[in-house]
Amino acid sequence: MPDGHEPGTGRRTRLYALTDGRTAAPRAALTMDTLITATPAAENAGGLPSEWQAILRMCRPPQSRAVAEIAARMHMRLTPMTVLLGELADRGLIAHRPPLEAAETSNVNLLMRIRDSLARI
């Protein structure tokens, strides 16, 4: 249910229901450009809500996705997405790191891969 719709009803799940009413991640400080990758522990994480499973599938190594990209792909606002990602980080199911430094982004091949990835969205 990555798009937040309840099966068979055509209605979206309320954001506060997805986040249990929380408005901030408990410990993880995530920004919209923080890069997220699923950890090996995510492979054995059955029984999670479908939104969490969709995020973990989307971020399987070697893929790293920015918080903003994950939120866009899941059709969700940034605040609830950071709460969900914070929960996953607290459970050890995702790793997060700050975005690349300016020197790292001057690589033309990297910039072309980013452009191509954005074009596929």
PDB file of N, CA and C in Angstrom:
ATOM      1  N   MET A   1       0.816  -1.187   0.000  1.00  0.00           N
ATOM      2  CA  MET A   1       0.000   0.000   0.000  1.00  0.00           C
ATOM      3  C   MET A   1       0.861   1.253   0.000  1.00  0.00           C
ATOM      4  N   PRO A   2       1.844   1.371  -0.902  1.00  0.00           N
ATOM      5  CA  PRO A   2       2.722   2.506  -0.883  1.00  0.00           C
ATOM      6  C   PRO A   2       2.022   3.833  -1.060  1.00  0.00           C
ATOM      7  N   ASP A   3       0.886   3.858  -1.733  1.00  0.00           N
ATOM      8  CA  ASP A   3       0.233   5.130  -1.955  1.00  0.00           C
ATOM      9  C   ASP A   3      -0.703   5.524  -0.822  1.00  0.00           C
ATOM     10  N   GLY A   4      -0.787   4.714   0.221  1.00  0.00           N
ATOM     11  CA  GLY A   4      -1.600   5.061   1.375  1.00  0.00           C
ATOM     12  C   GLY A   4      -3.077   4.755   1.212  1.00  0.00           C
ATOM     13  N   HIS A   5      -3.457   4.055   0.152  1.00  0.00           N
ATOM     14  CA  HIS A   5      -4.868   3.726  -0.053  1.00  0.00           C
ATOM     15  C   HIS A   5      -5.236   2.462   0.702  1.00  0.00           C
ATOM     16  N   GLU A   6      -6.429   2.463   1.246  1.00  0.00           N
ATOM     17  CA  GLU A   6      -6.954   1.262   1.878  1.00  0.00           C
ATOM     18  C   GLU A   6      -7.477   0.365   0.772  1.00  0.00           C
ATOM     19  N   PRO A   7      -7.126  -0.927   0.780  1.00  0.00           N
ATOM     20  CA  PRO A   7      -7.559  -1.803  -0.308  1.00  0.00           C
ATOM     21  C   PRO A   7      -9.078  -1.867  -0.433  1.00  0.00           C
ATOM     22  N   GLY A   8      -9.551  -1.727  -1.670  1.00  0.00           N
ATOM     23  CA  GLY A   8     -10.963  -1.877  -1.948  1.00  0.00           C
ATOM     24  C   GLY A   8     -11.834  -0.685  -1.600  1.00  0.00           C
ATOM     25  N   THR A   9     -11.282   0.345  -0.969  1.00  0.00           N
ATOM     26  CA  THR A   9     -12.124   1.469  -0.574  1.00  0.00           C
ATOM     27  C   THR A   9     -11.864   2.724  -1.391  1.00  0.00           C
ATOM     28  N   GLY A  10     -10.678   2.824  -2.005  1.00  0.00           N
ATOM     29  CA  GLY A  10     -10.336   4.029  -2.734  1.00  0.00           C
ATOM     30  C   GLY A  10      -9.985   5.189  -1.822  1.00  0.00           C
ATOM     31  N   ARG A  11      -9.951   4.954  -0.515  1.00  0.00           N
ATOM     32  CA  ARG A  11      -9.623   6.021   0.436  1.00  0.00           C
ATOM     33  C   ARG A  11      -8.175   5.902   0.878  1.00  0.00           C
ATOM     34  N   ARG A  12      -7.598   7.030   1.217  1.00  0.00           N
ATOM     35  CA  ARG A  12      -6.222   7.053   1.700  1.00  0.00           C
ATOM     36  C   ARG A  12      -6.200   6.847   3.212  1.00  0.00           C
ATOM     37  N   THR A  13      -5.160   6.166   3.677  1.00  0.00           N
ATOM     38  CA  THR A  13      -4.962   6.006   5.116  1.00  0.00           C
ATOM     39  C   THR A  13      -4.566   7.366   5.685  1.00  0.00           C
ATOM     40  N   ARG A  14      -5.150   7.742   6.789  1.00  0.00           N
ATOM     41  CA  ARG A  14      -4.818   9.018   7.417  1.00  0.00           C
ATOM     42  C   ARG A  14      -3.367   9.010   7.869  1.00  0.00           C
ATOM     43  N   LEU A  15      -2.669  10.135   7.637  1.00  0.00           N
ATOM     44  CA  LEU A  15      -1.249  10.205   7.974  1.00  0.00           C
ATOM     45  C   LEU A  15      -0.999   9.989   9.460  1.00  0.00           C
ATOM     46  N   TYR A  16      -1.875  10.498  10.308  1.00  0.00           N
ATOM     47  CA  TYR A  16      -1.650  10.311  11.734  1.00  0.00           C
ATOM     48  C   TYR A  16      -1.786   8.842  12.122  1.00  0.00           C
ATOM     49  N   ALA A  17      -2.534   8.075  11.340  1.00  0.00           N
ATOM     50  CA  ALA A  17      -2.647   6.635  11.613  1.00  0.00           C
ATOM     51  C   ALA A  17      -1.345   5.927  11.248  1.00  0.00           C
ATOM     52  N   LEU A  18      -0.716   6.373  10.168  1.00  0.00           N
ATOM     53  CA  LEU A  18       0.557   5.770   9.767  1.00  0.00           C
ATOM     54  C   LEU A  18       1.669   6.065  10.760  1.00  0.00           C
ATOM     55  N   THR A  19       1.608   7.228  11.386  1.00  0.00           N
ATOM     56  CA  THR A  19       2.689   7.653  12.292  1.00  0.00           C
ATOM     57  C   THR A  19       2.298   7.530  13.755  1.00  0.00           C
ATOM     58  N   ASP A  20       1.141   6.936  14.051  1.00  0.00           N
ATOM     59  CA  ASP A  20       0.630   6.819  15.425  1.00  0.00           C
ATOM     60  C   ASP A  20       0.556   8.177  16.116  1.00  0.00           C
ATOM     61  N   GLY A  21       0.267   9.219  15.350  1.00  0.00           N
ATOM     62  CA  GLY A  21       0.101  10.556  15.902  1.00  0.00           C
ATOM     63  C   GLY A  21       1.401  11.300  16.176  1.00  0.00           C
ATOM     64  N   ARG A  22       2.545  10.658  15.940  1.00  0.00           N
ATOM     65  CA  ARG A  22       3.832  11.326  16.173  1.00  0.00           C
ATOM     66  C   ARG A  22       4.084  12.356  15.080  1.00  0.00           C
ATOM     67  N   THR A  23       4.771  13.432  15.439  1.00  0.00           N
ATOM     68  CA  THR A  23       5.083  14.480  14.465  1.00  0.00           C
ATOM     69  C   THR A  23       6.585  14.662  14.272  1.00  0.00           C
ATOM     70  N   ALA A  24       7.383  13.882  14.975  1.00  0.00           N
ATOM     71  CA  ALA A  24       8.838  13.968  14.829  1.00  0.00           C
ATOM     72  C   ALA A  24       9.441  12.593  15.072  1.00  0.00           C
ATOM     73  N   ALA A  25      10.554  12.349  14.405  1.00  0.00           N
ATOM     74  CA  ALA A  25      11.264  11.080  14.602  1.00  0.00           C
ATOM     75  C   ALA A  25      11.864  11.074  16.002  1.00  0.00           C
ATOM     76  N   PRO A  26      11.779   9.932  16.700  1.00  0.00           N
ATOM     77  CA  PRO A  26      12.254   9.870  18.082  1.00  0.00           C
ATOM     78  C   PRO A  26      13.725  10.256  18.259  1.00  0.00           C
ATOM     79  N   ARG A  27      14.615   9.662  17.476  1.00  0.00           N
ATOM     80  CA  ARG A  27      16.045   9.925  17.670  1.00  0.00           C
ATOM     81  C   ARG A  27      16.763  10.388  16.421  1.00  0.00           C
ATOM     82  N   ALA A  28      16.370   9.871  15.272  1.00  0.00           N
ATOM     83  CA  ALA A  28      17.078  10.161  14.028  1.00  0.00           C
ATOM     84  C   ALA A  28      16.729  11.554  13.524  1.00  0.00           C
ATOM     85  N   ALA A  29      17.750  12.338  13.221  1.00  0.00           N
ATOM     86  CA  ALA A  29      17.553  13.672  12.649  1.00  0.00           C
ATOM     87  C   ALA A  29      17.717  13.555  11.137  1.00  0.00           C
ATOM     88  N   LEU A  30      16.608  13.542  10.430  1.00  0.00           N
ATOM     89  CA  LEU A  30      16.631  13.359   8.983  1.00  0.00           C
ATOM     90  C   LEU A  30      16.171  14.630   8.290  1.00  0.00           C
ATOM     91  N   THR A  31      16.877  14.996   7.245  1.00  0.00           N
ATOM     92  CA  THR A  31      16.467  16.132   6.427  1.00  0.00           C
ATOM     93  C   THR A  31      16.010  15.598   5.076  1.00  0.00           C
ATOM     94  N   MET A  32      15.481  16.459   4.247  1.00  0.00           N
ATOM     95  CA  MET A  32      14.942  16.005   2.976  1.00  0.00           C
ATOM     96  C   MET A  32      16.006  15.445   2.041  1.00  0.00           C
ATOM     97  N   ASP A  33      17.279  15.794   2.257  1.00  0.00           N
ATOM     98  CA  ASP A  33      18.329  15.291   1.382  1.00  0.00           C
ATOM     99  C   ASP A  33      19.200  14.213   2.041  1.00  0.00           C
ATOM    100  N   THR A  34      18.792  13.726   3.214  1.00  0.00           N
ATOM    101  CA  THR A  34      19.488  12.614   3.856  1.00  0.00           C
ATOM    102  C   THR A  34      19.299  11.368   2.994  1.00  0.00           C
ATOM    103  N   LEU A  35      20.377  10.614   2.803  1.00  0.00           N
ATOM    104  CA  LEU A  35      20.323   9.412   1.976  1.00  0.00           C
ATOM    105  C   LEU A  35      20.012   8.192   2.834  1.00  0.00           C
ATOM    106  N   ILE A  36      19.094   7.361   2.364  1.00  0.00           N
ATOM    107  CA  ILE A  36      18.590   6.197   3.103  1.00  0.00           C
ATOM    108  C   ILE A  36      18.938   4.921   2.336  1.00  0.00           C
ATOM    109  N   THR A  37      19.437   3.911   3.055  1.00  0.00           N
ATOM    110  CA  THR A  37      19.701   2.583   2.496  1.00  0.00           C
ATOM    111  C   THR A  37      19.216   1.547   3.494  1.00  0.00           C
ATOM    112  N   ALA A  38      18.544   0.514   2.999  1.00  0.00           N
ATOM    113  CA  ALA A  38      18.103  -0.578   3.876  1.00  0.00           C
ATOM    114  C   ALA A  38      19.319  -1.360   4.361  1.00  0.00           C
ATOM    115  N   THR A  39      19.274  -1.822   5.597  1.00  0.00           N
ATOM    116  CA  THR A  39      20.365  -2.609   6.171  1.00  0.00           C
ATOM    117  C   THR A  39      20.105  -4.094   5.929  1.00  0.00           C
ATOM    118  N   PRO A  40      21.109  -4.944   6.140  1.00  0.00           N
ATOM    119  CA  PRO A  40      20.890  -6.390   6.008  1.00  0.00           C
ATOM    120  C   PRO A  40      19.785  -6.910   6.938  1.00  0.00           C
ATOM    121  N   ALA A  41      19.584  -6.266   8.073  1.00  0.00           N
ATOM    122  CA  ALA A  41      18.537  -6.682   9.015  1.00  0.00           C
ATOM    123  C   ALA A  41      17.148  -6.545   8.394  1.00  0.00           C
ATOM    124  N   ALA A  42      17.006  -5.693   7.393  1.00  0.00           N
ATOM    125  CA  ALA A  42      15.704  -5.469   6.757  1.00  0.00           C
ATOM    126  C   ALA A  42      15.234  -6.700   5.992  1.00  0.00           C
ATOM    127  N   GLU A  43      16.153  -7.572   5.596  1.00  0.00           N
ATOM    128  CA  GLU A  43      15.781  -8.780   4.846  1.00  0.00           C
ATOM    129  C   GLU A  43      14.907  -9.715   5.687  1.00  0.00           C
ATOM    130  N   ASN A  44      15.081  -9.689   7.009  1.00  0.00           N
ATOM    131  CA  ASN A  44      14.342 -10.585   7.902  1.00  0.00           C
ATOM    132  C   ASN A  44      13.253  -9.853   8.674  1.00  0.00           C
ATOM    133  N   ALA A  45      12.797  -8.733   8.163  1.00  0.00           N
ATOM    134  CA  ALA A  45      11.840  -7.898   8.890  1.00  0.00           C
ATOM    135  C   ALA A  45      10.427  -8.136   8.396  1.00  0.00           C
ATOM    136  N   GLY A  46       9.919  -9.335   8.609  1.00  0.00           N
ATOM    137  CA  GLY A  46       8.551  -9.637   8.204  1.00  0.00           C
ATOM    138  C   GLY A  46       7.555  -9.072   9.198  1.00  0.00           C
ATOM    139  N   GLY A  47       6.323  -8.964   8.785  1.00  0.00           N
ATOM    140  CA  GLY A  47       5.268  -8.504   9.669  1.00  0.00           C
ATOM    141  C   GLY A  47       5.213  -7.005   9.881  1.00  0.00           C
ATOM    142  N   LEU A  48       5.962  -6.248   9.090  1.00  0.00           N
ATOM    143  CA  LEU A  48       5.939  -4.788   9.203  1.00  0.00           C
ATOM    144  C   LEU A  48       4.771  -4.229   8.400  1.00  0.00           C
ATOM    145  N   PRO A  49       4.340  -3.017   8.735  1.00  0.00           N
ATOM    146  CA  PRO A  49       3.295  -2.373   7.927  1.00  0.00           C
ATOM    147  C   PRO A  49       3.736  -2.288   6.457  1.00  0.00           C
ATOM    148  N   SER A  50       2.782  -2.304   5.560  1.00  0.00           N
ATOM    149  CA  SER A  50       3.093  -2.329   4.131  1.00  0.00           C
ATOM    150  C   SER A  50       3.890  -1.103   3.681  1.00  0.00           C
ATOM    151  N   GLU A  51       3.653   0.050   4.292  1.00  0.00           N
ATOM    152  CA  GLU A  51       4.418   1.251   3.931  1.00  0.00           C
ATOM    153  C   GLU A  51       5.896   1.063   4.249  1.00  0.00           C
ATOM    154  N   TRP A  52       6.180   0.473   5.404  1.00  0.00           N
ATOM    155  CA  TRP A  52       7.571   0.230   5.786  1.00  0.00           C
ATOM    156  C   TRP A  52       8.217  -0.752   4.827  1.00  0.00           C
ATOM    157  N   GLN A  53       7.496  -1.817   4.466  1.00  0.00           N
ATOM    158  CA  GLN A  53       8.036  -2.807   3.536  1.00  0.00           C
ATOM    159  C   GLN A  53       8.341  -2.182   2.178  1.00  0.00           C
ATOM    160  N   ALA A  54       7.463  -1.295   1.719  1.00  0.00           N
ATOM    161  CA  ALA A  54       7.683  -0.622   0.436  1.00  0.00           C
ATOM    162  C   ALA A  54       8.938   0.245   0.492  1.00  0.00           C
ATOM    163  N   ILE A  55       9.146   0.942   1.601  1.00  0.00           N
ATOM    164  CA  ILE A  55      10.339   1.772   1.760  1.00  0.00           C
ATOM    165  C   ILE A  55      11.588   0.901   1.743  1.00  0.00           C
ATOM    166  N   LEU A  56      11.567  -0.209   2.465  1.00  0.00           N
ATOM    167  CA  LEU A  56      12.732  -1.091   2.526  1.00  0.00           C
ATOM    168  C   LEU A  56      13.045  -1.687   1.153  1.00  0.00           C
ATOM    169  N   ARG A  57      12.026  -2.057   0.397  1.00  0.00           N
ATOM    170  CA  ARG A  57      12.252  -2.582  -0.957  1.00  0.00           C
ATOM    171  C   ARG A  57      12.871  -1.513  -1.852  1.00  0.00           C
ATOM    172  N   MET A  58      12.395  -0.285  -1.723  1.00  0.00           N
ATOM    173  CA  MET A  58      12.857   0.819  -2.543  1.00  0.00           C
ATOM    174  C   MET A  58      14.324   1.163  -2.271  1.00  0.00           C
ATOM    175  N   CYS A  59      14.776   0.895  -1.059  1.00  0.00           N
ATOM    176  CA  CYS A  59      16.114   1.332  -0.632  1.00  0.00           C
ATOM    177  C   CYS A  59      17.093   0.176  -0.464  1.00  0.00           C
ATOM    178  N   ARG A  60      16.815  -0.949  -1.105  1.00  0.00           N
ATOM    179  CA  ARG A  60      17.734  -2.091  -1.003  1.00  0.00           C
ATOM    180  C   ARG A  60      19.102  -1.703  -1.551  1.00  0.00           C
ATOM    181  N   PRO A  61      20.159  -2.151  -0.879  1.00  0.00           N
ATOM    182  CA  PRO A  61      21.505  -1.865  -1.392  1.00  0.00           C
ATOM    183  C   PRO A  61      21.662  -2.444  -2.798  1.00  0.00           C
ATOM    184  N   PRO A  62      22.363  -1.807  -3.667  1.00  0.00           N
ATOM    185  CA  PRO A  62      23.210  -0.635  -3.452  1.00  0.00           C
ATOM    186  C   PRO A  62      22.461   0.689  -3.589  1.00  0.00           C
ATOM    187  N   GLN A  63      21.134   0.651  -3.729  1.00  0.00           N
ATOM    188  CA  GLN A  63      20.352   1.882  -3.863  1.00  0.00           C
ATOM    189  C   GLN A  63      20.372   2.711  -2.589  1.00  0.00           C
ATOM    190  N   SER A  64      20.593   3.983  -2.734  1.00  0.00           N
ATOM    191  CA  SER A  64      20.390   4.954  -1.662  1.00  0.00           C
ATOM    192  C   SER A  64      19.450   5.999  -2.229  1.00  0.00           C
ATOM    193  N   ARG A  65      18.446   6.346  -1.471  1.00  0.00           N
ATOM    194  CA  ARG A  65      17.493   7.341  -1.939  1.00  0.00           C
ATOM    195  C   ARG A  65      17.366   8.441  -0.897  1.00  0.00           C
ATOM    196  N   ALA A  66      17.152   9.644  -1.383  1.00  0.00           N
ATOM    197  CA  ALA A  66      16.951  10.784  -0.494  1.00  0.00           C
ATOM    198  C   ALA A  66      15.559  10.703   0.120  1.00  0.00           C
ATOM    199  N   VAL A  67      15.425  11.254   1.309  1.00  0.00           N
ATOM    200  CA  VAL A  67      14.133  11.271   2.008  1.00  0.00           C
ATOM    201  C   VAL A  67      13.060  11.892   1.112  1.00  0.00           C
ATOM    202  N   ALA A  68      13.389  12.990   0.437  1.00  0.00           N
ATOM    203  CA  ALA A  68      12.415  13.660  -0.431  1.00  0.00           C
ATOM    204  C   ALA A  68      11.977  12.750  -1.576  1.00  0.00           C
ATOM    205  N   GLU A  69      12.904  11.982  -2.148  1.00  0.00           N
ATOM    206  CA  GLU A  69      12.551  11.072  -3.238  1.00  0.00           C
ATOM    207  C   GLU A  69      11.638   9.953  -2.740  1.00  0.00           C
ATOM    208  N   ILE A  70      11.949   9.414  -1.562  1.00  0.00           N
ATOM    209  CA  ILE A  70      11.114   8.354  -0.992  1.00  0.00           C
ATOM    210  C   ILE A  70       9.704   8.883  -0.744  1.00  0.00           C
ATOM    211  N   ALA A  71       9.609  10.083  -0.175  1.00  0.00           N
ATOM    212  CA  ALA A  71       8.300  10.677   0.093  1.00  0.00           C
ATOM    213  C   ALA A  71       7.526  10.881  -1.207  1.00  0.00           C
ATOM    214  N   ALA A  72       8.195  11.345  -2.251  1.00  0.00           N
ATOM    215  CA  ALA A  72       7.526  11.564  -3.529  1.00  0.00           C
ATOM    216  C   ALA A  72       7.039  10.248  -4.124  1.00  0.00           C
ATOM    217  N   ARG A  73       7.873   9.219  -4.076  1.00  0.00           N
ATOM    218  CA  ARG A  73       7.486   7.922  -4.635  1.00  0.00           C
ATOM    219  C   ARG A  73       6.337   7.285  -3.842  1.00  0.00           C
ATOM    220  N   MET A  74       6.270   7.576  -2.553  1.00  0.00           N
ATOM    221  CA  MET A  74       5.217   7.019  -1.702  1.00  0.00           C
ATOM    222  C   MET A  74       3.980   7.928  -1.651  1.00  0.00           C
ATOM    223  N   HIS A  75       4.024   9.077  -2.343  1.00  0.00           N
ATOM    224  CA  HIS A  75       2.920  10.045  -2.346  1.00  0.00           C
ATOM    225  C   HIS A  75       2.574  10.462  -0.920  1.00  0.00           C
ATOM    226  N   MET A  76       3.611  10.847  -0.192  1.00  0.00           N
ATOM    227  CA  MET A  76       3.448  11.203   1.220  1.00  0.00           C
ATOM    228  C   MET A  76       4.203  12.508   1.501  1.00  0.00           C
ATOM    229  N   ARG A  77       3.720  13.258   2.454  1.00  0.00           N
ATOM    230  CA  ARG A  77       4.408  14.486   2.857  1.00  0.00           C
ATOM    231  C   ARG A  77       5.701  14.153   3.585  1.00  0.00           C
ATOM    232  N   LEU A  78       6.599  15.159   3.628  1.00  0.00           N
ATOM    233  CA  LEU A  78       7.912  14.935   4.235  1.00  0.00           C
ATOM    234  C   LEU A  78       7.853  14.642   5.728  1.00  0.00           C
ATOM    235  N   THR A  79       7.020  15.354   6.476  1.00  0.00           N
ATOM    236  CA  THR A  79       6.996  15.156   7.928  1.00  0.00           C
ATOM    237  C   THR A  79       6.618  13.733   8.311  1.00  0.00           C
ATOM    238  N   PRO A  80       5.516  13.186   7.800  1.00  0.00           N
ATOM    239  CA  PRO A  80       5.220  11.800   8.164  1.00  0.00           C
ATOM    240  C   PRO A  80       6.274  10.825   7.643  1.00  0.00           C
ATOM    241  N   MET A  81       6.869  11.145   6.491  1.00  0.00           N
ATOM    242  CA  MET A  81       7.905  10.256   5.968  1.00  0.00           C
ATOM    243  C   MET A  81       9.122  10.240   6.889  1.00  0.00           C
ATOM    244  N   THR A  82       9.517  11.396   7.403  1.00  0.00           N
ATOM    245  CA  THR A  82      10.664  11.406   8.319  1.00  0.00           C
ATOM    246  C   THR A  82      10.337  10.654   9.604  1.00  0.00           C
ATOM    247  N   VAL A  83       9.093  10.686  10.034  1.00  0.00           N
ATOM    248  CA  VAL A  83       8.690   9.920  11.222  1.00  0.00           C
ATOM    249  C   VAL A  83       8.807   8.418  10.938  1.00  0.00           C
ATOM    250  N   LEU A  84       8.277   7.978   9.792  1.00  0.00           N
ATOM    251  CA  LEU A  84       8.365   6.565   9.435  1.00  0.00           C
ATOM    252  C   LEU A  84       9.824   6.121   9.285  1.00  0.00           C
ATOM    253  N   LEU A  85      10.621   6.940   8.618  1.00  0.00           N
ATOM    254  CA  LEU A  85      12.039   6.598   8.442  1.00  0.00           C
ATOM    255  C   LEU A  85      12.779   6.607   9.780  1.00  0.00           C
ATOM    256  N   GLY A  86      12.398   7.511  10.668  1.00  0.00           N
ATOM    257  CA  GLY A  86      13.001   7.526  12.006  1.00  0.00           C
ATOM    258  C   GLY A  86      12.718   6.240  12.765  1.00  0.00           C
ATOM    259  N   GLU A  87      11.497   5.730  12.625  1.00  0.00           N
ATOM    260  CA  GLU A  87      11.148   4.449  13.252  1.00  0.00           C
ATOM    261  C   GLU A  87      11.997   3.324  12.683  1.00  0.00           C
ATOM    262  N   LEU A  88      12.144   3.312  11.359  1.00  0.00           N
ATOM    263  CA  LEU A  88      12.963   2.278  10.720  1.00  0.00           C
ATOM    264  C   LEU A  88      14.421   2.379  11.162  1.00  0.00           C
ATOM    265  N   ALA A  89      14.919   3.602  11.300  1.00  0.00           N
ATOM    266  CA  ALA A  89      16.305   3.800  11.762  1.00  0.00           C
ATOM    267  C   ALA A  89      16.462   3.320  13.199  1.00  0.00           C
ATOM    268  N   ASP A  90      15.502   3.632  14.051  1.00  0.00           N
ATOM    269  CA  ASP A  90      15.573   3.203  15.453  1.00  0.00           C
ATOM    270  C   ASP A  90      15.548   1.687  15.585  1.00  0.00           C
ATOM    271  N   ARG A  91      14.898   1.012  14.638  1.00  0.00           N
ATOM    272  CA  ARG A  91      14.839  -0.452  14.656  1.00  0.00           C
ATOM    273  C   ARG A  91      16.036  -1.094  13.958  1.00  0.00           C
ATOM    274  N   GLY A  92      16.940  -0.246  13.407  1.00  0.00           N
ATOM    275  CA  GLY A  92      18.121  -0.766  12.732  1.00  0.00           C
ATOM    276  C   GLY A  92      17.853  -1.327  11.351  1.00  0.00           C
ATOM    277  N   LEU A  93      16.731  -0.934  10.741  1.00  0.00           N
ATOM    278  CA  LEU A  93      16.366  -1.476   9.441  1.00  0.00           C
ATOM    279  C   LEU A  93      16.847  -0.620   8.273  1.00  0.00           C
ATOM    280  N   ILE A  94      17.226   0.629   8.566  1.00  0.00           N
ATOM    281  CA  ILE A  94      17.812   1.485   7.537  1.00  0.00           C
ATOM    282  C   ILE A  94      19.048   2.175   8.100  1.00  0.00           C
ATOM    283  N   ALA A  95      19.936   2.509   7.193  1.00  0.00           N
ATOM    284  CA  ALA A  95      21.090   3.346   7.538  1.00  0.00           C
ATOM    285  C   ALA A  95      20.866   4.686   6.851  1.00  0.00           C
ATOM    286  N   HIS A  96      21.325   5.745   7.463  1.00  0.00           N
ATOM    287  CA  HIS A  96      21.166   7.062   6.845  1.00  0.00           C
ATOM    288  C   HIS A  96      22.471   7.826   6.974  1.00  0.00           C
ATOM    289  N   ARG A  97      22.704   8.658   5.976  1.00  0.00           N
ATOM    290  CA  ARG A  97      23.897   9.494   5.991  1.00  0.00           C
ATOM    291  C   ARG A  97      23.570  10.813   5.329  1.00  0.00           C
ATOM    292  N   PRO A  98      24.350  11.833   5.685  1.00  0.00           N
ATOM    293  CA  PRO A  98      24.106  13.131   5.055  1.00  0.00           C
ATOM    294  C   PRO A  98      24.382  13.054   3.554  1.00  0.00           C
ATOM    295  N   PRO A  99      23.874  14.002   2.797  1.00  0.00           N
ATOM    296  CA  PRO A  99      24.111  13.987   1.350  1.00  0.00           C
ATOM    297  C   PRO A  99      25.593  14.157   1.036  1.00  0.00           C
ATOM    298  N   LEU A 100      25.932  13.925  -0.228  1.00  0.00           N
ATOM    299  CA  LEU A 100      27.314  14.048  -0.661  1.00  0.00           C
ATOM    300  C   LEU A 100      27.820  15.468  -0.509  1.00  0.00           C
ATOM    301  N   GLU A 101      29.103  15.590  -0.229  1.00  0.00           N
ATOM    302  CA  GLU A 101      29.742  16.906  -0.136  1.00  0.00           C
ATOM    303  C   GLU A 101      29.852  17.521  -1.531  1.00  0.00           C
ATOM    304  N   ALA A 102      30.093  18.812  -1.593  1.00  0.00           N
ATOM    305  CA  ALA A 102      30.173  19.513  -2.877  1.00  0.00           C
ATOM    306  C   ALA A 102      31.260  18.922  -3.769  1.00  0.00           C
ATOM    307  N   ALA A 103      32.390  18.539  -3.207  1.00  0.00           N
ATOM    308  CA  ALA A 103      33.477  17.970  -4.005  1.00  0.00           C
ATOM    309  C   ALA A 103      33.062  16.648  -4.633  1.00  0.00           C
ATOM    310  N   GLU A 104      32.231  15.887  -3.951  1.00  0.00           N
ATOM    311  CA  GLU A 104      31.778  14.597  -4.466  1.00  0.00           C
ATOM    312  C   GLU A 104      30.762  14.756  -5.580  1.00  0.00           C
ATOM    313  N   THR A 105      30.055  15.869  -5.618  1.00  0.00           N
ATOM    314  CA  THR A 105      29.009  16.060  -6.619  1.00  0.00           C
ATOM    315  C   THR A 105      29.537  16.679  -7.901  1.00  0.00           C
ATOM    316  N   SER A 106      30.815  16.976  -7.974  1.00  0.00           N
ATOM    317  CA  SER A 106      31.358  17.537  -9.205  1.00  0.00           C
ATOM    318  C   SER A 106      31.721  16.444 -10.206  1.00  0.00           C
ATOM    319  N   ASN A 107      31.533  15.187  -9.840  1.00  0.00           N
ATOM    320  CA  ASN A 107      31.791  14.060 -10.715  1.00  0.00           C
ATOM    321  C   ASN A 107      30.706  14.030 -11.795  1.00  0.00           C
ATOM    322  N   VAL A 108      31.098  14.189 -13.049  1.00  0.00           N
ATOM    323  CA  VAL A 108      30.149  14.269 -14.152  1.00  0.00           C
ATOM    324  C   VAL A 108      29.344  12.973 -14.288  1.00  0.00           C
ATOM    325  N   ASN A 109      29.997  11.830 -14.110  1.00  0.00           N
ATOM    326  CA  ASN A 109      29.279  10.553 -14.220  1.00  0.00           C
ATOM    327  C   ASN A 109      28.198  10.442 -13.160  1.00  0.00           C
ATOM    328  N   LEU A 110      28.499  10.885 -11.946  1.00  0.00           N
ATOM    329  CA  LEU A 110      27.515  10.856 -10.871  1.00  0.00           C
ATOM    330  C   LEU A 110      26.332  11.761 -11.209  1.00  0.00           C
ATOM    331  N   LEU A 111      26.612  12.944 -11.698  1.00  0.00           N
ATOM    332  CA  LEU A 111      25.549  13.883 -12.050  1.00  0.00           C
ATOM    333  C   LEU A 111      24.676  13.332 -13.180  1.00  0.00           C
ATOM    334  N   MET A 112      25.275  12.638 -14.121  1.00  0.00           N
ATOM    335  CA  MET A 112      24.501  12.042 -15.210  1.00  0.00           C
ATOM    336  C   MET A 112      23.614  10.914 -14.689  1.00  0.00           C
ATOM    337  N   ARG A 113      24.108  10.107 -13.742  1.00  0.00           N
ATOM    338  CA  ARG A 113      23.287   9.050 -13.159  1.00  0.00           C
ATOM    339  C   ARG A 113      22.106   9.639 -12.392  1.00  0.00           C
ATOM    340  N   ILE A 114      22.355  10.729 -11.673  1.00  0.00           N
ATOM    341  CA  ILE A 114      21.275  11.390 -10.941  1.00  0.00           C
ATOM    342  C   ILE A 114      20.225  11.915 -11.913  1.00  0.00           C
ATOM    343  N   ARG A 115      20.681  12.553 -12.984  1.00  0.00           N
ATOM    344  CA  ARG A 115      19.756  13.073 -14.003  1.00  0.00           C
ATOM    345  C   ARG A 115      18.915  11.951 -14.584  1.00  0.00           C
ATOM    346  N   ASP A 116      19.547  10.834 -14.913  1.00  0.00           N
ATOM    347  CA  ASP A 116      18.822   9.716 -15.498  1.00  0.00           C
ATOM    348  C   ASP A 116      17.822   9.116 -14.512  1.00  0.00           C
ATOM    349  N   SER A 117      18.201   9.042 -13.226  1.00  0.00           N
ATOM    350  CA  SER A 117      17.282   8.521 -12.212  1.00  0.00           C
ATOM    351  C   SER A 117      16.073   9.422 -12.049  1.00  0.00           C
ATOM    352  N   LEU A 118      16.307  10.731 -12.050  1.00  0.00           N
ATOM    353  CA  LEU A 118      15.199  11.671 -11.927  1.00  0.00           C
ATOM    354  C   LEU A 118      14.279  11.607 -13.143  1.00  0.00           C
ATOM    355  N   ALA A 119      14.836  11.378 -14.309  1.00  0.00           N
ATOM    356  CA  ALA A 119      14.029  11.283 -15.524  1.00  0.00           C
ATOM    357  C   ALA A 119      13.116  10.063 -15.484  1.00  0.00           C
ATOM    358  N   ARG A 120      13.545   9.002 -14.787  1.00  0.00           N
ATOM    359  CA  ARG A 120      12.728   7.784 -14.698  1.00  0.00           C
ATOM    360  C   ARG A 120      11.564   7.939 -13.727  1.00  0.00           C
ATOM    361  N   ILE A 121      11.618   8.921 -12.853  1.00  0.00           N
ATOM    362  CA  ILE A 121      10.552   9.080 -11.843  1.00  0.00           C
ATOM    363  C   ILE A 121       9.283   9.576 -12.465  1.00  0.00           C
TER     364      ILE A 121
END
